[in-house]
Amino acid sequence: MGTASMFGHQEFDVELDCPWMTLYATVQYINHGDEENLVEIVSVKANGMDITNWLNIDYIYDLIDDQISNADYHWTDHGDQV
């Protein structure tokens, strides 16, 4: 499921798997939408607890990149002409 605009504050739910458990978490981030495609992780929370520092941040950025790339495309987000 995507959103019409992927800029600004965003969040999505994710399952984080390891060999002995699955953790259900919410990833919150800010997509600043500038030329460098700056994305800032706000937090990763599970059961209301911030677990951001416990995780591999590169993996979380990969999840965010997947989320952005799978978003619904809308021409107004990119200034395309009809």
Protein backbone atom coordinates (compact mmCIF):
# COMPACT_ATOMS: atom_id res chain seq x y z
CA MET A 1 0.00 0.00 0.00
CA GLY A 2 1.46 3.34 -0.99
CA THR A 3 0.52 6.92 -0.41
CA ALA A 4 0.00 9.75 -2.86
CA SER A 5 3.04 11.56 -1.50
CA MET A 6 6.05 9.93 0.13
CA PHE A 7 7.48 13.21 1.45
CA GLY A 8 7.31 14.30 5.07
CA HIS A 9 6.63 12.11 8.09
CA GLN A 10 5.82 8.51 7.17
CA GLU A 11 5.40 5.20 8.96
CA PHE A 12 4.78 1.57 8.14
CA ASP A 13 4.43 -1.74 9.95
CA VAL A 14 7.03 -4.45 9.48
CA GLU A 15 7.86 -7.95 10.69
CA LEU A 16 11.47 -8.27 11.82
CA ASP A 17 12.56 -11.91 11.69
CA CYS A 18 15.47 -13.68 13.30
CA PRO A 19 16.07 -17.43 13.83
CA TRP A 20 14.30 -17.56 17.20
CA MET A 21 11.46 -15.00 16.90
CA THR A 22 9.44 -12.56 14.82
CA LEU A 23 9.03 -9.03 16.11
CA TYR A 24 6.21 -6.80 14.90
CA ALA A 25 7.35 -3.19 14.74
CA THR A 26 6.47 0.22 13.33
CA VAL A 27 9.12 2.19 11.43
CA GLN A 28 8.74 5.98 11.50
CA TYR A 29 10.83 8.17 9.24
CA ILE A 30 10.98 11.56 7.55
CA ASN A 31 11.56 11.82 3.81
CA HIS A 32 12.86 15.33 3.30
CA GLY A 33 12.34 15.08 -0.47
CA ASP A 34 15.35 17.13 -1.47
CA GLU A 35 17.76 16.46 -4.31
CA GLU A 36 19.85 14.06 -2.23
CA ASN A 37 16.76 12.01 -1.25
CA LEU A 38 17.53 12.51 2.44
CA VAL A 39 15.67 10.09 4.69
CA GLU A 40 15.86 10.33 8.47
CA ILE A 41 14.83 7.48 10.78
CA VAL A 42 12.68 8.80 13.63
CA SER A 43 12.17 5.50 15.44
CA VAL A 44 11.48 1.80 15.24
CA LYS A 45 9.01 0.75 17.93
CA ALA A 46 7.75 -2.62 19.09
CA ASN A 47 4.99 -2.78 21.71
CA GLY A 48 5.50 0.95 22.32
CA MET A 49 9.21 0.53 23.12
CA ASP A 50 11.81 2.32 21.01
CA ILE A 51 14.18 -0.39 19.71
CA THR A 52 15.97 1.72 17.10
CA ASN A 53 19.40 1.36 18.73
CA TRP A 54 19.06 -2.43 18.88
CA LEU A 55 18.81 -2.88 15.12
CA ASN A 56 21.07 -2.80 12.09
CA ILE A 57 20.32 0.68 10.74
CA ASP A 58 21.39 -0.25 7.20
CA TYR A 59 18.70 -2.94 7.21
CA ILE A 60 16.08 -0.40 8.33
CA TYR A 61 17.14 1.99 5.56
CA ASP A 62 16.74 -0.90 3.08
CA LEU A 63 13.19 -1.48 4.37
CA ILE A 64 12.43 2.24 3.98
CA ASP A 65 13.85 2.21 0.45
CA ASP A 66 11.61 -0.77 -0.41
CA GLN A 67 8.60 1.01 1.07
CA ILE A 68 9.26 4.14 -0.99
CA SER A 69 9.95 2.24 -4.20
CA ASN A 70 6.71 0.23 -3.84
CA ALA A 71 4.52 3.30 -3.25
CA ASP A 72 1.73 4.12 -5.64
CA TYR A 73 2.99 6.33 -8.46
CA HIS A 74 1.05 9.53 -9.01
CA TRP A 75 2.08 12.03 -11.68
CA THR A 76 1.55 15.04 -9.36
CA ASP A 77 4.31 13.77 -7.08
CA HIS A 78 6.81 14.14 -9.91
CA GLY A 79 5.46 17.01 -11.99
CA ASP A 80 4.82 14.79 -15.00
CA GLN A 81 2.55 16.14 -17.69
CA VAL A 82 -0.59 14.25 -18.66
